[in-house]
Amino acid sequence: MPNHSLNQLSFIFLKSTMTTRKMRYIILFCILFMSISCGMRRGGGLNFFPVSKDVKLGRKVTADIEDKAEEFPLLSEEENEKVYSYIRNIVDRLLATGEVRYHDRFEWQVKIIQDDETLNAFATPGGHLYLYTGLIKFLDTEDQLAGVLGHEIAHAAQRHSTRLMTASMGLTALKIVAIRQADNTFADFAHGLTNLRFSRGHESEADRYSVKYLCAAGYNPTGIAGFFQKMEGQKTPPDFLNTHPNPRRRISKIEKYADKLDCPPKPEKTLEYKRIRKLLP
């Protein structure tokens, strides 16, 4: 919705002396709901938190992970310097494109979790990236790994964690207003629908930014699609796919976005990747 429409509603809400209390609640509901909905369709959404909050949250999550060695056994950097250097070079290459937001404000650390059974990766707010050894061994090329890293970088750079927190807090406020107006059903419906679309919107946005980063860095832009193509044959999809469980549709969107950017496929890097992969314990 255009911004001027929201401004008009805000003006009505604040200035009108003819509006009843019930009508003011309804107008406030509309302003907040449309704001969240507009951001949700873009894959982004409102964010009430400053960027510094992402950095602080990331440090807190990282500290928690390091305190849970049994759940998150980190691969020794001293004993795996070449592997860490290789992956960090990929991250640095993506950050150097100038396409990544907060590339100079977030910390962008890389850690590897030693777990061959888990095909997953995740990012904390503030740019802390975690890869499982199972995922590294599962992938075939550097471009595929770069695609996954690009996807996770996008989650951090687009501040999806604090956007989700904002959406959750906003919806809670909306629900309270709705309950006061005896309309619990509508509040529950809005909560469920927004959560579903919001999470899928963020996943789709992260896919698009991965394509954008890889294209600018000289990788095969559809590297992330290679991961989804391999995952189609797996009996148990990882948590990575929970919010968007249709890999085929996802692959199609990735390929279409690469075409839109006029970024054709490139030969994928396999030899060095296989050598690095063999160095893992």
C-alpha atoms as a PDB file:
ATOM      1  CA  MET A   1       0.000   0.000   0.000  1.00  0.00           C
ATOM      2  CA  PRO A   2       1.362   3.497  -0.831  1.00  0.00           C
ATOM      3  CA  ASN A   3       2.717   5.442   2.100  1.00  0.00           C
ATOM      4  CA  HIS A   4       0.288   8.301   1.581  1.00  0.00           C
ATOM      5  CA  SER A   5      -2.625   5.985   2.400  1.00  0.00           C
ATOM      6  CA  LEU A   6      -1.096   5.069   5.746  1.00  0.00           C
ATOM      7  CA  ASN A   7      -0.420   8.735   6.444  1.00  0.00           C
ATOM      8  CA  GLN A   8      -4.040   9.599   5.735  1.00  0.00           C
ATOM      9  CA  LEU A   9      -5.218   6.913   8.158  1.00  0.00           C
ATOM     10  CA  SER A  10      -2.775   8.157  10.769  1.00  0.00           C
ATOM     11  CA  PHE A  11      -4.087  11.701  10.325  1.00  0.00           C
ATOM     12  CA  ILE A  12      -7.666  10.527  10.746  1.00  0.00           C
ATOM     13  CA  PHE A  13      -6.755   8.556  13.858  1.00  0.00           C
ATOM     14  CA  LEU A  14      -4.905  11.415  15.528  1.00  0.00           C
ATOM     15  CA  LYS A  15      -6.978  14.416  14.492  1.00  0.00           C
ATOM     16  CA  SER A  16     -10.577  13.369  14.193  1.00  0.00           C
ATOM     17  CA  THR A  17     -12.817  14.509  17.056  1.00  0.00           C
ATOM     18  CA  MET A  18     -15.797  12.652  15.632  1.00  0.00           C
ATOM     19  CA  THR A  19     -14.336   9.153  15.888  1.00  0.00           C
ATOM     20  CA  THR A  20     -15.588   6.862  18.628  1.00  0.00           C
ATOM     21  CA  ARG A  21     -13.214   4.841  20.796  1.00  0.00           C
ATOM     22  CA  LYS A  22     -14.190   1.664  18.972  1.00  0.00           C
ATOM     23  CA  MET A  23     -13.527   3.250  15.593  1.00  0.00           C
ATOM     24  CA  ARG A  24     -10.130   4.483  16.764  1.00  0.00           C
ATOM     25  CA  TYR A  25      -9.203   0.903  17.714  1.00  0.00           C
ATOM     26  CA  ILE A  26     -10.280  -0.294  14.285  1.00  0.00           C
ATOM     27  CA  ILE A  27      -8.271   2.403  12.510  1.00  0.00           C
ATOM     28  CA  LEU A  28      -5.196   1.657  14.630  1.00  0.00           C
ATOM     29  CA  PHE A  29      -5.627  -2.020  13.825  1.00  0.00           C
ATOM     30  CA  CYS A  30      -5.741  -1.195  10.099  1.00  0.00           C
ATOM     31  CA  ILE A  31      -2.667   1.036  10.238  1.00  0.00           C
ATOM     32  CA  LEU A  32      -0.541  -1.603  11.986  1.00  0.00           C
ATOM     33  CA  PHE A  33      -1.939  -4.543  10.029  1.00  0.00           C
ATOM     34  CA  MET A  34      -1.388  -2.853   6.652  1.00  0.00           C
ATOM     35  CA  SER A  35       2.134  -1.803   7.657  1.00  0.00           C
ATOM     36  CA  ILE A  36       3.014  -5.377   8.603  1.00  0.00           C
ATOM     37  CA  SER A  37       1.274  -6.772   5.517  1.00  0.00           C
ATOM     38  CA  CYS A  38       3.093  -4.420   3.125  1.00  0.00           C
ATOM     39  CA  GLY A  39       6.454  -5.363   4.607  1.00  0.00           C
ATOM     40  CA  MET A  40       5.476  -9.016   4.640  1.00  0.00           C
ATOM     41  CA  ARG A  41       4.743  -9.015   0.902  1.00  0.00           C
ATOM     42  CA  ARG A  42       8.164  -7.490   0.259  1.00  0.00           C
ATOM     43  CA  GLY A  43       9.753 -10.218   2.349  1.00  0.00           C
ATOM     44  CA  GLY A  44      11.040  -7.655   4.794  1.00  0.00           C
ATOM     45  CA  GLY A  45       8.671  -5.968   7.206  1.00  0.00           C
ATOM     46  CA  LEU A  46       8.879  -3.408   9.953  1.00  0.00           C
ATOM     47  CA  ASN A  47      11.778  -3.403  12.394  1.00  0.00           C
ATOM     48  CA  PHE A  48      11.503  -1.530  15.670  1.00  0.00           C
ATOM     49  CA  PHE A  49      15.030  -2.483  16.741  1.00  0.00           C
ATOM     50  CA  PRO A  50      18.245  -0.519  16.002  1.00  0.00           C
ATOM     51  CA  VAL A  51      21.033  -2.246  14.079  1.00  0.00           C
ATOM     52  CA  SER A  52      23.112  -2.307  17.252  1.00  0.00           C
ATOM     53  CA  LYS A  53      20.539  -4.697  18.721  1.00  0.00           C
ATOM     54  CA  ASP A  54      21.308  -7.256  16.002  1.00  0.00           C
ATOM     55  CA  VAL A  55      24.979  -7.116  16.948  1.00  0.00           C
ATOM     56  CA  LYS A  56      24.239  -7.569  20.661  1.00  0.00           C
ATOM     57  CA  LEU A  57      21.812 -10.422  20.000  1.00  0.00           C
ATOM     58  CA  GLY A  58      24.363 -12.145  17.782  1.00  0.00           C
ATOM     59  CA  ARG A  59      27.007 -11.990  20.466  1.00  0.00           C
ATOM     60  CA  LYS A  60      24.562 -13.397  23.020  1.00  0.00           C
ATOM     61  CA  VAL A  61      23.585 -16.322  20.787  1.00  0.00           C
ATOM     62  CA  THR A  62      27.239 -17.020  19.997  1.00  0.00           C
ATOM     63  CA  ALA A  63      28.077 -17.107  23.700  1.00  0.00           C
ATOM     64  CA  ASP A  64      25.183 -19.497  24.319  1.00  0.00           C
ATOM     65  CA  ILE A  65      26.380 -21.799  21.530  1.00  0.00           C
ATOM     66  CA  GLU A  66      29.905 -21.874  22.917  1.00  0.00           C
ATOM     67  CA  ASP A  67      28.480 -22.786  26.338  1.00  0.00           C
ATOM     68  CA  LYS A  68      26.659 -25.780  24.843  1.00  0.00           C
ATOM     69  CA  ALA A  69      29.566 -27.813  23.534  1.00  0.00           C
ATOM     70  CA  GLU A  70      27.630 -31.085  23.598  1.00  0.00           C
ATOM     71  CA  GLU A  71      24.814 -29.700  21.482  1.00  0.00           C
ATOM     72  CA  PHE A  72      27.069 -27.585  19.251  1.00  0.00           C
ATOM     73  CA  PRO A  73      30.513 -29.233  19.077  1.00  0.00           C
ATOM     74  CA  LEU A  74      32.591 -26.646  17.236  1.00  0.00           C
ATOM     75  CA  LEU A  75      35.289 -27.890  14.895  1.00  0.00           C
ATOM     76  CA  SER A  76      38.747 -26.884  16.111  1.00  0.00           C
ATOM     77  CA  GLU A  77      40.159 -23.987  14.141  1.00  0.00           C
ATOM     78  CA  GLU A  78      43.745 -24.813  15.066  1.00  0.00           C
ATOM     79  CA  GLU A  79      43.438 -28.300  13.600  1.00  0.00           C
ATOM     80  CA  ASN A  80      41.415 -27.230  10.544  1.00  0.00           C
ATOM     81  CA  GLU A  81      42.963 -23.944   9.469  1.00  0.00           C
ATOM     82  CA  LYS A  82      42.732 -24.678   5.732  1.00  0.00           C
ATOM     83  CA  VAL A  83      39.026 -25.505   5.924  1.00  0.00           C
ATOM     84  CA  TYR A  84      38.209 -22.369   7.902  1.00  0.00           C
ATOM     85  CA  SER A  85      40.351 -20.212   5.626  1.00  0.00           C
ATOM     86  CA  TYR A  86      38.662 -21.625   2.540  1.00  0.00           C
ATOM     87  CA  ILE A  87      35.147 -20.929   3.827  1.00  0.00           C
ATOM     88  CA  ARG A  88      36.022 -17.488   5.143  1.00  0.00           C
ATOM     89  CA  ASN A  89      37.458 -16.581   1.753  1.00  0.00           C
ATOM     90  CA  ILE A  90      34.082 -17.404   0.195  1.00  0.00           C
ATOM     91  CA  VAL A  91      32.310 -15.202   2.745  1.00  0.00           C
ATOM     92  CA  ASP A  92      34.802 -12.371   2.185  1.00  0.00           C
ATOM     93  CA  ARG A  93      34.266 -12.670  -1.566  1.00  0.00           C
ATOM     94  CA  LEU A  94      30.514 -12.286  -1.147  1.00  0.00           C
ATOM     95  CA  LEU A  95      30.897  -9.371   1.271  1.00  0.00           C
ATOM     96  CA  ALA A  96      33.315  -7.624  -1.106  1.00  0.00           C
ATOM     97  CA  THR A  97      30.619  -7.335  -3.793  1.00  0.00           C
ATOM     98  CA  GLY A  98      29.134  -4.297  -2.066  1.00  0.00           C
ATOM     99  CA  GLU A  99      25.695  -5.918  -2.313  1.00  0.00           C
ATOM    100  CA  VAL A 100      25.518  -7.026   1.330  1.00  0.00           C
ATOM    101  CA  ARG A 101      23.918  -4.606   3.749  1.00  0.00           C
ATOM    102  CA  TYR A 102      25.881  -3.923   6.942  1.00  0.00           C
ATOM    103  CA  HIS A 103      28.943  -5.628   5.469  1.00  0.00           C
ATOM    104  CA  ASP A 104      31.028  -3.102   7.402  1.00  0.00           C
ATOM    105  CA  ARG A 105      28.936  -3.056  10.596  1.00  0.00           C
ATOM    106  CA  PHE A 106      28.276  -6.705  11.363  1.00  0.00           C
ATOM    107  CA  GLU A 107      31.002  -9.046  12.601  1.00  0.00           C
ATOM    108  CA  TRP A 108      30.642 -11.797   9.955  1.00  0.00           C
ATOM    109  CA  GLN A 109      32.266 -14.648  11.815  1.00  0.00           C
ATOM    110  CA  VAL A 110      32.280 -18.241  10.551  1.00  0.00           C
ATOM    111  CA  LYS A 111      32.122 -21.332  12.750  1.00  0.00           C
ATOM    112  CA  ILE A 112      31.823 -25.002  11.780  1.00  0.00           C
ATOM    113  CA  ILE A 113      29.819 -27.441  13.876  1.00  0.00           C
ATOM    114  CA  GLN A 114      31.171 -30.989  13.817  1.00  0.00           C
ATOM    115  CA  ASP A 115      28.068 -33.032  13.101  1.00  0.00           C
ATOM    116  CA  ASP A 116      28.012 -35.183   9.964  1.00  0.00           C
ATOM    117  CA  GLU A 117      24.367 -36.148  10.429  1.00  0.00           C
ATOM    118  CA  THR A 118      22.998 -32.623  10.127  1.00  0.00           C
ATOM    119  CA  LEU A 119      22.559 -30.996   6.705  1.00  0.00           C
ATOM    120  CA  ASN A 120      22.074 -27.479   7.889  1.00  0.00           C
ATOM    121  CA  ALA A 121      23.430 -23.969   8.276  1.00  0.00           C
ATOM    122  CA  PHE A 122      22.186 -20.932  10.150  1.00  0.00           C
ATOM    123  CA  ALA A 123      23.006 -17.315  10.884  1.00  0.00           C
ATOM    124  CA  THR A 124      22.531 -15.286  14.028  1.00  0.00           C
ATOM    125  CA  PRO A 125      21.738 -11.563  14.031  1.00  0.00           C
ATOM    126  CA  GLY A 126      24.855  -9.501  13.454  1.00  0.00           C
ATOM    127  CA  GLY A 127      26.472 -11.877  10.967  1.00  0.00           C
ATOM    128  CA  HIS A 128      27.603 -14.977  12.867  1.00  0.00           C
ATOM    129  CA  LEU A 129      27.471 -17.869  10.386  1.00  0.00           C
ATOM    130  CA  TYR A 130      27.370 -21.548  11.356  1.00  0.00           C
ATOM    131  CA  LEU A 131      27.852 -24.520   9.026  1.00  0.00           C
ATOM    132  CA  TYR A 132      27.542 -28.191   9.890  1.00  0.00           C
ATOM    133  CA  THR A 133      30.199 -30.601   8.604  1.00  0.00           C
ATOM    134  CA  GLY A 134      27.329 -32.753   7.339  1.00  0.00           C
ATOM    135  CA  LEU A 135      26.274 -29.991   4.961  1.00  0.00           C
ATOM    136  CA  ILE A 136      29.808 -29.342   3.721  1.00  0.00           C
ATOM    137  CA  LYS A 137      30.283 -33.044   2.976  1.00  0.00           C
ATOM    138  CA  PHE A 138      26.847 -33.257   1.367  1.00  0.00           C
ATOM    139  CA  LEU A 139      27.424 -30.486  -1.195  1.00  0.00           C
ATOM    140  CA  ASP A 140      29.381 -31.027  -4.421  1.00  0.00           C
ATOM    141  CA  THR A 141      30.751 -27.629  -5.415  1.00  0.00           C
ATOM    142  CA  GLU A 142      32.029 -24.356  -4.034  1.00  0.00           C
ATOM    143  CA  ASP A 143      29.172 -22.592  -5.820  1.00  0.00           C
ATOM    144  CA  GLN A 144      26.601 -24.621  -3.896  1.00  0.00           C
ATOM    145  CA  LEU A 145      28.329 -23.793  -0.622  1.00  0.00           C
ATOM    146  CA  ALA A 146      28.536 -20.126  -1.644  1.00  0.00           C
ATOM    147  CA  GLY A 147      24.799 -20.259  -2.381  1.00  0.00           C
ATOM    148  CA  VAL A 148      24.003 -21.543   1.104  1.00  0.00           C
ATOM    149  CA  LEU A 149      26.360 -19.002   2.687  1.00  0.00           C
ATOM    150  CA  GLY A 150      24.763 -16.247   0.607  1.00  0.00           C
ATOM    151  CA  HIS A 151      21.344 -17.329   1.822  1.00  0.00           C
ATOM    152  CA  GLU A 152      22.457 -17.199   5.463  1.00  0.00           C
ATOM    153  CA  ILE A 153      24.263 -13.896   4.968  1.00  0.00           C
ATOM    154  CA  ALA A 154      21.005 -12.495   3.587  1.00  0.00           C
ATOM    155  CA  HIS A 155      19.079 -13.580   6.696  1.00  0.00           C
ATOM    156  CA  ALA A 156      21.512 -11.550   8.797  1.00  0.00           C
ATOM    157  CA  ALA A 157      21.896  -8.610   6.403  1.00  0.00           C
ATOM    158  CA  GLN A 158      18.139  -8.201   5.970  1.00  0.00           C
ATOM    159  CA  ARG A 159      17.777  -8.440   9.746  1.00  0.00           C
ATOM    160  CA  HIS A 160      15.161 -11.159   9.600  1.00  0.00           C
ATOM    161  CA  SER A 161      15.500 -12.134  13.264  1.00  0.00           C
ATOM    162  CA  THR A 162      14.682  -8.693  14.646  1.00  0.00           C
ATOM    163  CA  ARG A 163      12.012  -8.227  11.971  1.00  0.00           C
ATOM    164  CA  LEU A 164      10.354 -11.393  13.216  1.00  0.00           C
ATOM    165  CA  MET A 165      10.614 -10.111  16.778  1.00  0.00           C
ATOM    166  CA  THR A 166       8.984  -6.857  15.677  1.00  0.00           C
ATOM    167  CA  ALA A 167       6.210  -8.708  13.904  1.00  0.00           C
ATOM    168  CA  SER A 168       5.585 -10.904  16.942  1.00  0.00           C
ATOM    169  CA  MET A 169       5.376  -7.940  19.278  1.00  0.00           C
ATOM    170  CA  GLY A 170       3.182  -6.010  16.863  1.00  0.00           C
ATOM    171  CA  LEU A 171       0.770  -8.893  16.415  1.00  0.00           C
ATOM    172  CA  THR A 172       0.541  -9.350  20.169  1.00  0.00           C
ATOM    173  CA  ALA A 173      -0.509  -5.723  20.483  1.00  0.00           C
ATOM    174  CA  LEU A 174      -3.042  -6.145  17.694  1.00  0.00           C
ATOM    175  CA  LYS A 175      -4.456  -9.230  19.350  1.00  0.00           C
ATOM    176  CA  ILE A 176      -4.945  -7.381  22.632  1.00  0.00           C
ATOM    177  CA  VAL A 177      -6.823  -4.638  20.794  1.00  0.00           C
ATOM    178  CA  ALA A 178      -8.937  -7.204  18.968  1.00  0.00           C
ATOM    179  CA  ILE A 179      -9.776  -9.051  22.168  1.00  0.00           C
ATOM    180  CA  ARG A 180     -10.954  -5.826  23.731  1.00  0.00           C
ATOM    181  CA  GLN A 181     -13.285  -5.497  20.784  1.00  0.00           C
ATOM    182  CA  ALA A 182     -14.519  -9.107  21.272  1.00  0.00           C
ATOM    183  CA  ASP A 183     -13.075 -10.360  17.988  1.00  0.00           C
ATOM    184  CA  ASN A 184     -10.735 -13.184  19.012  1.00  0.00           C
ATOM    185  CA  THR A 185     -11.277 -15.187  15.846  1.00  0.00           C
ATOM    186  CA  PHE A 186     -10.001 -12.441  13.575  1.00  0.00           C
ATOM    187  CA  ALA A 187      -6.955 -11.883  15.776  1.00  0.00           C
ATOM    188  CA  ASP A 188      -6.043 -15.584  15.722  1.00  0.00           C
ATOM    189  CA  PHE A 189      -6.506 -15.722  11.948  1.00  0.00           C
ATOM    190  CA  ALA A 190      -4.286 -12.680  11.380  1.00  0.00           C
ATOM    191  CA  HIS A 191      -1.629 -14.105  13.699  1.00  0.00           C
ATOM    192  CA  GLY A 192      -1.475 -17.472  11.908  1.00  0.00           C
ATOM    193  CA  LEU A 193      -1.587 -16.103   8.384  1.00  0.00           C
ATOM    194  CA  THR A 194       1.071 -13.488   9.000  1.00  0.00           C
ATOM    195  CA  ASN A 195       3.425 -15.968  10.638  1.00  0.00           C
ATOM    196  CA  LEU A 196       3.125 -18.327   7.681  1.00  0.00           C
ATOM    197  CA  ARG A 197       3.607 -15.752   4.954  1.00  0.00           C
ATOM    198  CA  PHE A 198       6.195 -13.825   6.896  1.00  0.00           C
ATOM    199  CA  SER A 199       8.539 -16.744   7.323  1.00  0.00           C
ATOM    200  CA  ARG A 200       8.142 -17.885   3.716  1.00  0.00           C
ATOM    201  CA  GLY A 201       8.665 -14.329   2.536  1.00  0.00           C
ATOM    202  CA  HIS A 202      11.949 -14.145   4.404  1.00  0.00           C
ATOM    203  CA  GLU A 203      13.112 -17.470   2.981  1.00  0.00           C
ATOM    204  CA  SER A 204      12.281 -16.329  -0.542  1.00  0.00           C
ATOM    205  CA  GLU A 205      14.031 -13.020   0.065  1.00  0.00           C
ATOM    206  CA  ALA A 206      17.146 -14.814   1.303  1.00  0.00           C
ATOM    207  CA  ASP A 207      17.114 -16.968  -1.852  1.00  0.00           C
ATOM    208  CA  ARG A 208      16.928 -13.879  -4.065  1.00  0.00           C
ATOM    209  CA  TYR A 209      19.772 -12.147  -2.271  1.00  0.00           C
ATOM    210  CA  SER A 210      21.878 -15.291  -2.515  1.00  0.00           C
ATOM    211  CA  VAL A 211      21.447 -15.162  -6.294  1.00  0.00           C
ATOM    212  CA  LYS A 212      22.332 -11.466  -6.288  1.00  0.00           C
ATOM    213  CA  TYR A 213      25.453 -11.945  -4.161  1.00  0.00           C
ATOM    214  CA  LEU A 214      26.706 -14.913  -6.206  1.00  0.00           C
ATOM    215  CA  CYS A 215      26.122 -13.125  -9.490  1.00  0.00           C
ATOM    216  CA  ALA A 216      28.165 -10.131  -8.317  1.00  0.00           C
ATOM    217  CA  ALA A 217      30.921 -12.375  -6.944  1.00  0.00           C
ATOM    218  CA  GLY A 218      31.350 -14.344 -10.170  1.00  0.00           C
ATOM    219  CA  TYR A 219      29.853 -17.612  -8.940  1.00  0.00           C
ATOM    220  CA  ASN A 220      27.155 -19.631 -10.615  1.00  0.00           C
ATOM    221  CA  PRO A 221      24.185 -17.476  -9.488  1.00  0.00           C
ATOM    222  CA  THR A 222      21.920 -20.482  -8.931  1.00  0.00           C
ATOM    223  CA  GLY A 223      24.338 -22.177  -6.527  1.00  0.00           C
ATOM    224  CA  ILE A 224      21.682 -22.310  -3.805  1.00  0.00           C
ATOM    225  CA  ALA A 225      19.406 -24.221  -6.203  1.00  0.00           C
ATOM    226  CA  GLY A 226      21.979 -27.026  -6.310  1.00  0.00           C
ATOM    227  CA  PHE A 227      21.409 -27.586  -2.606  1.00  0.00           C
ATOM    228  CA  PHE A 228      17.642 -27.836  -3.064  1.00  0.00           C
ATOM    229  CA  GLN A 229      18.040 -30.170  -6.046  1.00  0.00           C
ATOM    230  CA  LYS A 230      20.084 -32.539  -3.899  1.00  0.00           C
ATOM    231  CA  MET A 231      17.637 -32.239  -1.016  1.00  0.00           C
ATOM    232  CA  GLU A 232      14.732 -33.399  -3.181  1.00  0.00           C
ATOM    233  CA  GLY A 233      16.031 -36.953  -2.884  1.00  0.00           C
ATOM    234  CA  GLN A 234      16.333 -36.902   0.901  1.00  0.00           C
ATOM    235  CA  LYS A 235      13.782 -38.711   3.067  1.00  0.00           C
ATOM    236  CA  THR A 236      14.057 -36.264   5.969  1.00  0.00           C
ATOM    237  CA  PRO A 237      14.464 -32.603   4.974  1.00  0.00           C
ATOM    238  CA  PRO A 238      16.576 -30.507   7.379  1.00  0.00           C
ATOM    239  CA  ASP A 239      15.280 -27.594   9.432  1.00  0.00           C
ATOM    240  CA  PHE A 240      16.612 -25.359   6.643  1.00  0.00           C
ATOM    241  CA  LEU A 241      13.535 -26.290   4.558  1.00  0.00           C
ATOM    242  CA  ASN A 242      10.835 -26.254   7.220  1.00  0.00           C
ATOM    243  CA  THR A 243       9.444 -22.837   6.368  1.00  0.00           C
ATOM    244  CA  HIS A 244       9.366 -23.396   2.641  1.00  0.00           C
ATOM    245  CA  PRO A 245       8.926 -27.116   2.000  1.00  0.00           C
ATOM    246  CA  ASN A 246       8.599 -27.116  -1.819  1.00  0.00           C
ATOM    247  CA  PRO A 247      12.150 -27.313  -3.239  1.00  0.00           C
ATOM    248  CA  ARG A 248      10.975 -27.559  -6.868  1.00  0.00           C
ATOM    249  CA  ARG A 249       9.040 -24.300  -6.678  1.00  0.00           C
ATOM    250  CA  ARG A 250      11.953 -22.691  -4.891  1.00  0.00           C
ATOM    251  CA  ILE A 251      14.411 -23.822  -7.570  1.00  0.00           C
ATOM    252  CA  SER A 252      12.163 -22.398 -10.286  1.00  0.00           C
ATOM    253  CA  LYS A 253      12.020 -18.995  -8.572  1.00  0.00           C
ATOM    254  CA  ILE A 254      15.798 -18.937  -8.126  1.00  0.00           C
ATOM    255  CA  GLU A 255      16.378 -19.678 -11.807  1.00  0.00           C
ATOM    256  CA  LYS A 256      13.854 -17.042 -12.882  1.00  0.00           C
ATOM    257  CA  TYR A 257      15.494 -14.431 -10.670  1.00  0.00           C
ATOM    258  CA  ALA A 258      18.924 -15.239 -12.125  1.00  0.00           C
ATOM    259  CA  ASP A 259      17.442 -14.724 -15.607  1.00  0.00           C
ATOM    260  CA  LYS A 260      15.926 -11.436 -14.464  1.00  0.00           C
ATOM    261  CA  LEU A 261      19.351 -10.251 -13.330  1.00  0.00           C
ATOM    262  CA  ASP A 262      20.737 -11.338 -16.713  1.00  0.00           C
ATOM    263  CA  CYS A 263      23.247 -13.512 -14.890  1.00  0.00           C
ATOM    264  CA  PRO A 264      23.778 -16.744 -16.859  1.00  0.00           C
ATOM    265  CA  PRO A 265      25.083 -19.975 -15.274  1.00  0.00           C
ATOM    266  CA  LYS A 266      28.854 -20.327 -14.935  1.00  0.00           C
ATOM    267  CA  PRO A 267      31.083 -23.410 -14.651  1.00  0.00           C
ATOM    268  CA  GLU A 268      31.048 -24.568 -11.056  1.00  0.00           C
ATOM    269  CA  LYS A 269      34.186 -24.978  -8.967  1.00  0.00           C
ATOM    270  CA  THR A 270      34.576 -28.589  -7.922  1.00  0.00           C
ATOM    271  CA  LEU A 271      38.251 -29.629  -7.668  1.00  0.00           C
ATOM    272  CA  GLU A 272      39.309 -27.363  -4.802  1.00  0.00           C
ATOM    273  CA  TYR A 273      36.054 -28.002  -3.006  1.00  0.00           C
ATOM    274  CA  LYS A 274      36.572 -31.758  -3.094  1.00  0.00           C
ATOM    275  CA  ARG A 275      40.098 -31.322  -1.759  1.00  0.00           C
ATOM    276  CA  ILE A 276      38.881 -29.173   1.149  1.00  0.00           C
ATOM    277  CA  ARG A 277      36.020 -31.525   1.860  1.00  0.00           C
ATOM    278  CA  LYS A 278      38.457 -34.406   2.293  1.00  0.00           C
ATOM    279  CA  LEU A 279      40.325 -32.464   4.975  1.00  0.00           C
ATOM    280  CA  LEU A 280      37.335 -32.609   7.306  1.00  0.00           C
ATOM    281  CA  PRO A 281      37.587 -35.185  10.100  1.00  0.00           C
END
